[in-house]
């Protein structure tokens, strides 16, 4: 368990497949949606859930983040559900190392990630590696470095 309690829990050892009986087994609802709904049903009894982040990628499979509205709710859920058998697997729950984006937005400390900044500037047309309209004088050039190196050798 992490030393500092946070509002966000990190859950691992989630089942790769969710099997729910009845109408939910049709192909209309994805595995991730079923997993989020099941996690919401399980964890919402401990407090108000702000967000559930479960992504079905190679890096994030069998993991989820659940953000509560307060630390007490997260602590209660962690103590009660750590080791709980969920889809035939015991849950492993710890406090998240960093504050989730939804919590940071609520308390006013949110800062966009570098990827978010790149996405906002994606409206520029790219030509090769440089965007059209970039000032080439700002970019370092090898010929300038070579010239300056030669000047240093002659002294």
N, C-alpha and C. Protein backbone atom coordinates (compact mmCIF):
# COMPACT_ATOMS: atom_id res chain seq x y z
N UNK A 1 0.85 -1.18 0.00
CA UNK A 1 0.00 0.00 0.00
C UNK A 1 0.89 1.23 0.00
N UNK A 2 0.53 2.22 -0.79
CA UNK A 2 1.27 3.47 -0.86
C UNK A 2 1.22 4.17 0.49
N UNK A 3 2.23 4.99 0.76
CA UNK A 3 2.28 5.65 2.06
C UNK A 3 1.30 6.82 2.16
N UNK A 4 1.02 7.50 1.05
CA UNK A 4 0.13 8.66 1.08
C UNK A 4 -1.23 8.32 0.47
N UNK A 5 -2.29 8.37 1.26
CA UNK A 5 -3.63 8.11 0.72
C UNK A 5 -4.04 9.19 -0.28
N UNK A 6 -4.68 8.78 -1.35
CA UNK A 6 -5.20 9.71 -2.36
C UNK A 6 -6.65 9.35 -2.65
N UNK A 7 -7.30 10.19 -3.40
CA UNK A 7 -8.70 9.95 -3.77
C UNK A 7 -8.81 8.91 -4.88
N UNK A 8 -7.70 8.57 -5.52
CA UNK A 8 -7.72 7.66 -6.65
C UNK A 8 -7.10 6.33 -6.28
N UNK A 9 -7.78 5.25 -6.64
CA UNK A 9 -7.29 3.91 -6.40
C UNK A 9 -6.81 3.30 -7.71
N UNK A 10 -5.75 2.50 -7.61
CA UNK A 10 -5.20 1.77 -8.74
C UNK A 10 -5.51 0.30 -8.51
N UNK A 11 -6.26 -0.29 -9.43
CA UNK A 11 -6.70 -1.67 -9.29
C UNK A 11 -6.01 -2.52 -10.35
N UNK A 12 -5.42 -3.63 -9.92
CA UNK A 12 -4.80 -4.56 -10.86
C UNK A 12 -5.39 -5.95 -10.65
N UNK A 13 -4.97 -6.86 -11.53
CA UNK A 13 -5.42 -8.25 -11.52
C UNK A 13 -6.89 -8.38 -11.89
N UNK A 14 -7.35 -7.47 -12.76
CA UNK A 14 -8.72 -7.58 -13.26
C UNK A 14 -8.78 -8.67 -14.31
N UNK A 15 -9.90 -9.30 -14.43
CA UNK A 15 -10.09 -10.35 -15.41
C UNK A 15 -10.10 -9.77 -16.82
N UNK A 16 -9.50 -10.48 -17.73
CA UNK A 16 -9.48 -10.05 -19.12
C UNK A 16 -10.83 -10.20 -19.80
N UNK A 17 -11.71 -11.00 -19.22
CA UNK A 17 -13.03 -11.21 -19.82
C UNK A 17 -14.09 -11.08 -18.74
N UNK A 18 -15.16 -10.38 -19.09
CA UNK A 18 -16.30 -10.28 -18.17
C UNK A 18 -17.44 -11.08 -18.75
N UNK A 19 -18.00 -11.93 -17.95
CA UNK A 19 -19.13 -12.75 -18.38
C UNK A 19 -20.34 -12.39 -17.54
N UNK A 20 -21.28 -11.70 -18.16
CA UNK A 20 -22.49 -11.35 -17.43
C UNK A 20 -23.66 -12.05 -18.10
N UNK A 21 -24.51 -12.66 -17.32
CA UNK A 21 -25.62 -13.43 -17.89
C UNK A 21 -26.71 -12.53 -18.47
N UNK A 22 -27.50 -13.10 -19.37
CA UNK A 22 -28.67 -12.40 -19.89
C UNK A 22 -28.38 -11.50 -21.06
N UNK A 23 -29.16 -10.41 -21.15
CA UNK A 23 -29.10 -9.54 -22.32
C UNK A 23 -27.76 -8.84 -22.50
N UNK A 24 -26.93 -8.73 -21.45
CA UNK A 24 -25.66 -8.01 -21.56
C UNK A 24 -24.61 -8.78 -22.33
N UNK A 25 -24.84 -10.06 -22.60
CA UNK A 25 -23.84 -10.85 -23.30
C UNK A 25 -23.89 -10.65 -24.81
N UNK A 26 -24.83 -9.86 -25.31
CA UNK A 26 -24.85 -9.61 -26.75
C UNK A 26 -23.63 -8.77 -27.13
N UNK A 27 -23.32 -8.73 -28.42
CA UNK A 27 -22.14 -8.02 -28.89
C UNK A 27 -22.26 -6.51 -28.85
N UNK A 28 -23.34 -5.98 -28.34
CA UNK A 28 -23.57 -4.53 -28.35
C UNK A 28 -22.74 -3.77 -27.33
N UNK A 29 -22.41 -4.40 -26.24
CA UNK A 29 -21.66 -3.72 -25.18
C UNK A 29 -20.26 -4.31 -25.12
N UNK A 30 -19.25 -3.46 -25.20
CA UNK A 30 -17.88 -3.94 -25.21
C UNK A 30 -17.45 -4.42 -23.83
N UNK A 31 -16.35 -5.13 -23.83
CA UNK A 31 -15.77 -5.64 -22.58
C UNK A 31 -15.45 -4.50 -21.63
N UNK A 32 -14.89 -3.42 -22.14
CA UNK A 32 -14.50 -2.29 -21.29
C UNK A 32 -15.72 -1.66 -20.63
N UNK A 33 -16.81 -1.52 -21.38
CA UNK A 33 -18.03 -0.94 -20.81
C UNK A 33 -18.61 -1.85 -19.74
N UNK A 34 -18.58 -3.16 -19.98
CA UNK A 34 -19.06 -4.10 -18.97
C UNK A 34 -18.19 -4.02 -17.72
N UNK A 35 -16.88 -3.94 -17.93
CA UNK A 35 -15.96 -3.86 -16.80
C UNK A 35 -16.19 -2.59 -15.99
N UNK A 36 -16.32 -1.45 -16.68
CA UNK A 36 -16.57 -0.19 -15.97
C UNK A 36 -17.88 -0.23 -15.20
N UNK A 37 -18.92 -0.79 -15.81
CA UNK A 37 -20.22 -0.89 -15.14
C UNK A 37 -20.12 -1.79 -13.91
N UNK A 38 -19.39 -2.89 -14.03
CA UNK A 38 -19.23 -3.80 -12.89
C UNK A 38 -18.41 -3.15 -11.78
N UNK A 39 -17.34 -2.44 -12.16
CA UNK A 39 -16.52 -1.75 -11.16
C UNK A 39 -17.33 -0.66 -10.47
N UNK A 40 -18.14 0.06 -11.25
CA UNK A 40 -18.97 1.11 -10.67
C UNK A 40 -19.94 0.50 -9.65
N UNK A 41 -20.58 -0.59 -10.02
CA UNK A 41 -21.52 -1.25 -9.11
C UNK A 41 -20.85 -1.71 -7.83
N UNK A 42 -19.63 -2.20 -7.94
CA UNK A 42 -18.91 -2.69 -6.77
C UNK A 42 -18.40 -1.55 -5.89
N UNK A 43 -17.78 -0.53 -6.50
CA UNK A 43 -17.12 0.52 -5.73
C UNK A 43 -18.03 1.67 -5.31
N UNK A 44 -19.17 1.85 -5.97
CA UNK A 44 -20.04 2.99 -5.65
C UNK A 44 -20.68 2.87 -4.28
N UNK A 45 -20.67 1.70 -3.70
CA UNK A 45 -21.24 1.55 -2.35
C UNK A 45 -20.37 2.23 -1.29
N UNK A 46 -19.14 2.60 -1.65
CA UNK A 46 -18.22 3.21 -0.69
C UNK A 46 -18.14 4.73 -0.81
N UNK A 47 -18.76 5.30 -1.82
CA UNK A 47 -18.74 6.75 -1.97
C UNK A 47 -19.02 7.16 -3.41
N UNK A 48 -19.02 8.47 -3.62
CA UNK A 48 -19.29 9.03 -4.94
C UNK A 48 -18.06 8.83 -5.83
N UNK A 49 -18.27 8.20 -6.99
CA UNK A 49 -17.18 7.96 -7.93
C UNK A 49 -17.18 9.08 -8.97
N UNK A 50 -16.02 9.71 -9.13
CA UNK A 50 -15.88 10.78 -10.12
C UNK A 50 -15.55 10.23 -11.50
N UNK A 51 -14.72 9.21 -11.55
CA UNK A 51 -14.32 8.64 -12.84
C UNK A 51 -13.78 7.24 -12.66
N UNK A 52 -13.98 6.44 -13.70
CA UNK A 52 -13.38 5.11 -13.78
C UNK A 52 -12.62 5.07 -15.09
N UNK A 53 -11.33 4.78 -15.02
CA UNK A 53 -10.51 4.72 -16.22
C UNK A 53 -10.03 3.28 -16.39
N UNK A 54 -10.61 2.60 -17.35
CA UNK A 54 -10.20 1.23 -17.70
C UNK A 54 -10.08 1.18 -19.20
N UNK A 55 -8.88 0.95 -19.69
CA UNK A 55 -8.63 0.95 -21.13
C UNK A 55 -8.16 -0.43 -21.53
N UNK A 56 -8.62 -0.92 -22.66
CA UNK A 56 -8.25 -2.24 -23.13
C UNK A 56 -7.12 -2.14 -24.14
N UNK A 57 -5.93 -1.79 -23.65
CA UNK A 57 -4.74 -1.77 -24.48
C UNK A 57 -3.73 -2.74 -23.89
N UNK A 58 -2.69 -3.06 -24.65
CA UNK A 58 -1.67 -3.99 -24.17
C UNK A 58 -1.05 -3.50 -22.86
N UNK A 59 -0.77 -2.20 -22.78
CA UNK A 59 -0.12 -1.64 -21.60
C UNK A 59 -1.06 -1.55 -20.40
N UNK A 60 -2.33 -1.28 -20.63
CA UNK A 60 -3.28 -1.04 -19.54
C UNK A 60 -4.25 -2.19 -19.28
N UNK A 61 -4.08 -3.32 -19.93
CA UNK A 61 -5.04 -4.40 -19.72
C UNK A 61 -4.97 -4.90 -18.28
N UNK A 62 -6.10 -5.34 -17.79
CA UNK A 62 -6.25 -5.87 -16.44
C UNK A 62 -5.93 -4.85 -15.36
N UNK A 63 -6.09 -3.55 -15.68
CA UNK A 63 -5.84 -2.47 -14.72
C UNK A 63 -6.95 -1.43 -14.83
N UNK A 64 -7.15 -0.69 -13.75
CA UNK A 64 -8.13 0.40 -13.78
C UNK A 64 -7.77 1.42 -12.70
N UNK A 65 -8.25 2.63 -12.90
CA UNK A 65 -8.13 3.69 -11.91
C UNK A 65 -9.54 4.14 -11.55
N UNK A 66 -9.81 4.29 -10.27
CA UNK A 66 -11.12 4.76 -9.82
C UNK A 66 -10.89 5.98 -8.94
N UNK A 67 -11.49 7.11 -9.33
CA UNK A 67 -11.34 8.36 -8.58
C UNK A 67 -12.61 8.61 -7.77
N UNK A 68 -12.43 8.76 -6.47
CA UNK A 68 -13.53 9.07 -5.57
C UNK A 68 -13.56 10.57 -5.28
N UNK A 69 -14.66 11.04 -4.71
CA UNK A 69 -14.76 12.47 -4.40
C UNK A 69 -14.01 12.86 -3.13
N UNK A 70 -13.62 11.86 -2.31
CA UNK A 70 -12.83 12.17 -1.11
C UNK A 70 -11.95 10.98 -0.74
N UNK A 71 -10.94 11.25 0.07
CA UNK A 71 -9.97 10.23 0.46
C UNK A 71 -10.60 9.18 1.37
N UNK A 72 -11.53 9.58 2.21
CA UNK A 72 -12.16 8.62 3.14
C UNK A 72 -12.90 7.53 2.37
N UNK A 73 -13.60 7.89 1.31
CA UNK A 73 -14.30 6.89 0.50
C UNK A 73 -13.32 5.93 -0.17
N UNK A 74 -12.23 6.49 -0.69
CA UNK A 74 -11.22 5.66 -1.34
C UNK A 74 -10.58 4.70 -0.33
N UNK A 75 -10.31 5.19 0.85
CA UNK A 75 -9.71 4.36 1.90
C UNK A 75 -10.66 3.24 2.32
N UNK A 76 -11.92 3.57 2.46
CA UNK A 76 -12.91 2.56 2.84
C UNK A 76 -13.01 1.47 1.77
N UNK A 77 -13.03 1.87 0.51
CA UNK A 77 -13.11 0.90 -0.59
C UNK A 77 -11.85 0.04 -0.63
N UNK A 78 -10.70 0.65 -0.45
CA UNK A 78 -9.44 -0.10 -0.48
C UNK A 78 -9.41 -1.15 0.62
N UNK A 79 -9.76 -0.75 1.83
CA UNK A 79 -9.72 -1.68 2.97
C UNK A 79 -10.73 -2.82 2.81
N UNK A 80 -11.89 -2.51 2.25
CA UNK A 80 -12.94 -3.52 2.13
C UNK A 80 -12.76 -4.45 0.94
N UNK A 81 -12.24 -3.93 -0.17
CA UNK A 81 -12.23 -4.71 -1.40
C UNK A 81 -10.87 -5.26 -1.82
N UNK A 82 -9.79 -4.90 -1.14
CA UNK A 82 -8.49 -5.45 -1.49
C UNK A 82 -8.51 -6.95 -1.22
N UNK A 83 -8.27 -7.73 -2.26
CA UNK A 83 -8.34 -9.18 -2.15
C UNK A 83 -9.70 -9.77 -2.47
N UNK A 84 -10.70 -8.93 -2.68
CA UNK A 84 -12.05 -9.38 -3.02
C UNK A 84 -12.02 -10.11 -4.37
N UNK A 85 -12.69 -11.25 -4.46
CA UNK A 85 -12.72 -12.01 -5.71
C UNK A 85 -13.71 -11.36 -6.67
N UNK A 86 -13.20 -10.92 -7.80
CA UNK A 86 -13.97 -10.20 -8.81
C UNK A 86 -13.73 -10.90 -10.13
N UNK A 87 -14.77 -11.50 -10.70
CA UNK A 87 -14.65 -12.32 -11.91
C UNK A 87 -13.55 -13.36 -11.75
N UNK A 88 -13.61 -14.11 -10.67
CA UNK A 88 -12.71 -15.23 -10.38
C UNK A 88 -11.26 -14.84 -10.12
N UNK A 89 -11.00 -13.57 -9.82
CA UNK A 89 -9.63 -13.13 -9.51
C UNK A 89 -9.66 -12.21 -8.29
N UNK A 90 -8.66 -12.33 -7.41
CA UNK A 90 -8.60 -11.41 -6.27
C UNK A 90 -8.10 -10.03 -6.72
N UNK A 91 -8.82 -8.98 -6.35
CA UNK A 91 -8.41 -7.62 -6.70
C UNK A 91 -7.18 -7.22 -5.90
N UNK A 92 -6.30 -6.50 -6.55
CA UNK A 92 -5.14 -5.91 -5.89
C UNK A 92 -5.32 -4.40 -5.99
N UNK A 93 -5.47 -3.76 -4.85
CA UNK A 93 -5.80 -2.33 -4.83
C UNK A 93 -4.78 -1.57 -4.00
N UNK A 94 -4.29 -0.47 -4.55
CA UNK A 94 -3.40 0.45 -3.84
C UNK A 94 -3.83 1.87 -4.19
N UNK A 95 -3.32 2.83 -3.42
CA UNK A 95 -3.55 4.23 -3.78
C UNK A 95 -2.73 4.56 -5.02
N UNK A 96 -3.29 5.37 -5.89
CA UNK A 96 -2.57 5.80 -7.08
C UNK A 96 -1.41 6.69 -6.67
N UNK A 97 -0.32 6.66 -7.43
CA UNK A 97 0.87 7.44 -7.12
C UNK A 97 0.66 8.93 -7.38
N UNK A 98 -0.15 9.24 -8.38
CA UNK A 98 -0.39 10.64 -8.73
C UNK A 98 -1.88 10.95 -8.69
N UNK A 99 -2.17 12.21 -8.63
CA UNK A 99 -3.55 12.68 -8.60
C UNK A 99 -4.17 12.49 -10.00
N UNK A 100 -5.38 11.99 -10.05
CA UNK A 100 -6.03 11.80 -11.34
C UNK A 100 -6.42 13.16 -11.94
N UNK A 101 -6.58 13.20 -13.25
CA UNK A 101 -6.92 14.44 -13.94
C UNK A 101 -8.25 15.01 -13.46
N UNK A 102 -9.23 14.16 -13.22
CA UNK A 102 -10.54 14.65 -12.80
C UNK A 102 -10.46 15.31 -11.42
N UNK A 103 -9.65 14.78 -10.53
CA UNK A 103 -9.47 15.37 -9.21
C UNK A 103 -8.70 16.69 -9.33
N UNK A 104 -7.67 16.70 -10.16
CA UNK A 104 -6.88 17.92 -10.36
C UNK A 104 -7.73 19.03 -10.97
N UNK A 105 -8.63 18.69 -11.87
CA UNK A 105 -9.52 19.71 -12.46
C UNK A 105 -10.45 20.28 -11.41
N UNK A 106 -10.91 19.44 -10.49
CA UNK A 106 -11.81 19.92 -9.44
C UNK A 106 -11.11 20.83 -8.45
N UNK A 107 -9.87 20.52 -8.10
CA UNK A 107 -9.18 21.36 -7.12
C UNK A 107 -8.35 22.48 -7.75
N UNK A 108 -8.38 22.59 -9.07
CA UNK A 108 -7.73 23.71 -9.75
C UNK A 108 -6.25 23.54 -10.00
N UNK A 109 -5.71 22.34 -9.86
CA UNK A 109 -4.28 22.13 -10.09
C UNK A 109 -3.98 21.40 -11.39
N UNK A 110 -4.97 21.23 -12.24
CA UNK A 110 -4.79 20.48 -13.49
C UNK A 110 -3.90 21.25 -14.46
N UNK A 111 -2.95 20.53 -15.05
CA UNK A 111 -2.09 21.06 -16.11
C UNK A 111 -2.12 20.05 -17.24
N UNK A 112 -2.39 20.52 -18.47
CA UNK A 112 -2.44 19.58 -19.60
C UNK A 112 -1.09 18.88 -19.80
N UNK A 113 -1.17 17.64 -20.22
CA UNK A 113 0.03 16.87 -20.50
C UNK A 113 0.64 17.36 -21.81
N UNK A 114 1.88 16.98 -22.08
CA UNK A 114 2.57 17.39 -23.31
C UNK A 114 1.78 16.92 -24.52
N UNK A 115 1.24 15.72 -24.48
CA UNK A 115 0.47 15.20 -25.60
C UNK A 115 -0.75 16.07 -25.86
N UNK A 116 -1.37 16.61 -24.80
CA UNK A 116 -2.53 17.48 -24.98
C UNK A 116 -2.13 18.76 -25.68
N UNK A 117 -0.94 19.29 -25.38
CA UNK A 117 -0.47 20.50 -26.04
C UNK A 117 -0.22 20.26 -27.51
N UNK A 118 0.34 19.10 -27.85
CA UNK A 118 0.59 18.77 -29.25
C UNK A 118 -0.72 18.63 -30.00
N UNK A 119 -1.72 18.05 -29.36
CA UNK A 119 -3.01 17.87 -30.01
C UNK A 119 -3.65 19.22 -30.32
N UNK A 120 -3.44 20.21 -29.44
CA UNK A 120 -4.05 21.51 -29.69
C UNK A 120 -3.37 22.24 -30.83
N UNK A 121 -2.12 21.90 -31.13
CA UNK A 121 -1.44 22.56 -32.25
C UNK A 121 -1.47 21.70 -33.51
N UNK A 122 -2.28 20.66 -33.51
CA UNK A 122 -2.32 19.75 -34.65
C UNK A 122 -3.06 20.34 -35.84
N UNK A 123 -3.62 21.53 -35.70
CA UNK A 123 -4.33 22.12 -36.82
C UNK A 123 -3.37 22.72 -37.84
N UNK A 124 -2.07 22.73 -37.55
CA UNK A 124 -1.08 23.23 -38.50
C UNK A 124 -0.77 22.14 -39.51
N UNK A 125 -0.56 22.50 -40.75
CA UNK A 125 -0.23 21.54 -41.79
C UNK A 125 1.24 21.21 -41.73
N UNK A 126 1.56 19.93 -41.72
CA UNK A 126 2.94 19.51 -41.61
C UNK A 126 3.52 19.23 -42.99
N UNK A 127 4.75 19.64 -43.18
CA UNK A 127 5.49 19.35 -44.39
C UNK A 127 6.80 18.75 -43.94
N UNK A 128 6.98 17.45 -44.13
CA UNK A 128 8.15 16.78 -43.60
C UNK A 128 8.11 16.80 -42.08
N UNK A 129 9.19 17.23 -41.45
CA UNK A 129 9.25 17.29 -40.00
C UNK A 129 8.90 18.68 -39.48
N UNK A 130 8.85 19.67 -40.33
CA UNK A 130 8.58 21.03 -39.90
C UNK A 130 7.17 21.43 -40.32
N UNK A 131 6.55 22.24 -39.51
CA UNK A 131 5.23 22.75 -39.86
C UNK A 131 5.37 23.92 -40.82
N UNK A 132 4.43 24.03 -41.74
CA UNK A 132 4.43 25.14 -42.67
C UNK A 132 4.31 26.42 -41.86
N UNK A 133 5.17 27.38 -42.12
CA UNK A 133 5.12 28.64 -41.41
C UNK A 133 6.09 28.71 -40.25
N UNK A 134 6.79 27.60 -39.93
CA UNK A 134 7.80 27.66 -38.86
C UNK A 134 8.94 28.54 -39.32
N UNK A 135 9.52 29.30 -38.43
CA UNK A 135 10.63 30.17 -38.75
C UNK A 135 11.90 29.33 -38.74
N UNK A 136 12.55 29.21 -39.89
CA UNK A 136 13.74 28.38 -40.00
C UNK A 136 14.94 28.99 -39.31
N UNK A 137 14.92 30.31 -39.04
CA UNK A 137 16.03 30.94 -38.37
C UNK A 137 16.16 30.49 -36.92
N UNK A 138 15.06 30.01 -36.34
CA UNK A 138 15.09 29.56 -34.96
C UNK A 138 15.69 28.17 -34.82
N UNK A 139 15.68 27.40 -35.91
CA UNK A 139 16.16 26.03 -35.85
C UNK A 139 17.68 26.00 -36.00
N UNK A 140 18.37 25.18 -35.19
CA UNK A 140 19.82 25.08 -35.35
C UNK A 140 20.15 24.36 -36.65
N UNK A 141 21.18 24.81 -37.31
CA UNK A 141 21.58 24.19 -38.57
C UNK A 141 22.98 23.62 -38.42
N UNK A 142 23.24 22.47 -39.08
CA UNK A 142 24.54 21.83 -38.97
C UNK A 142 25.64 22.71 -39.55
N UNK A 143 25.34 23.42 -40.63
CA UNK A 143 26.37 24.25 -41.26
C UNK A 143 26.84 25.35 -40.31
N UNK A 144 25.93 25.88 -39.51
CA UNK A 144 26.32 26.90 -38.54
C UNK A 144 27.25 26.30 -37.47
N UNK A 145 26.94 25.09 -37.03
CA UNK A 145 27.77 24.43 -36.03
C UNK A 145 29.15 24.15 -36.60
N UNK A 146 29.22 23.70 -37.84
CA UNK A 146 30.50 23.39 -38.46
C UNK A 146 31.34 24.65 -38.58
N UNK A 147 30.73 25.74 -39.04
CA UNK A 147 31.46 26.99 -39.18
C UNK A 147 32.01 27.46 -37.84
N UNK A 148 31.20 27.35 -36.79
CA UNK A 148 31.65 27.82 -35.48
C UNK A 148 32.74 26.91 -34.94
N UNK A 149 32.67 25.60 -35.24
CA UNK A 149 33.71 24.68 -34.81
C UNK A 149 35.03 25.00 -35.49
N UNK A 150 34.99 25.35 -36.80
CA UNK A 150 36.21 25.69 -37.52
C UNK A 150 36.84 26.94 -36.97
N UNK A 151 36.00 27.92 -36.58
CA UNK A 151 36.51 29.15 -36.01
C UNK A 151 37.23 28.88 -34.70
N UNK A 152 36.70 27.95 -33.90
CA UNK A 152 37.31 27.63 -32.62
C UNK A 152 38.67 26.95 -32.81
N UNK A 153 38.80 26.14 -33.86
CA UNK A 153 40.08 25.43 -34.11
C UNK A 153 41.19 26.38 -34.54
N UNK A 154 40.84 27.46 -35.25
CA UNK A 154 41.86 28.35 -35.78
C UNK A 154 42.45 29.25 -34.72
N UNK A 155 41.82 29.38 -33.58
CA UNK A 155 42.33 30.27 -32.52
C UNK A 155 43.39 29.66 -31.69
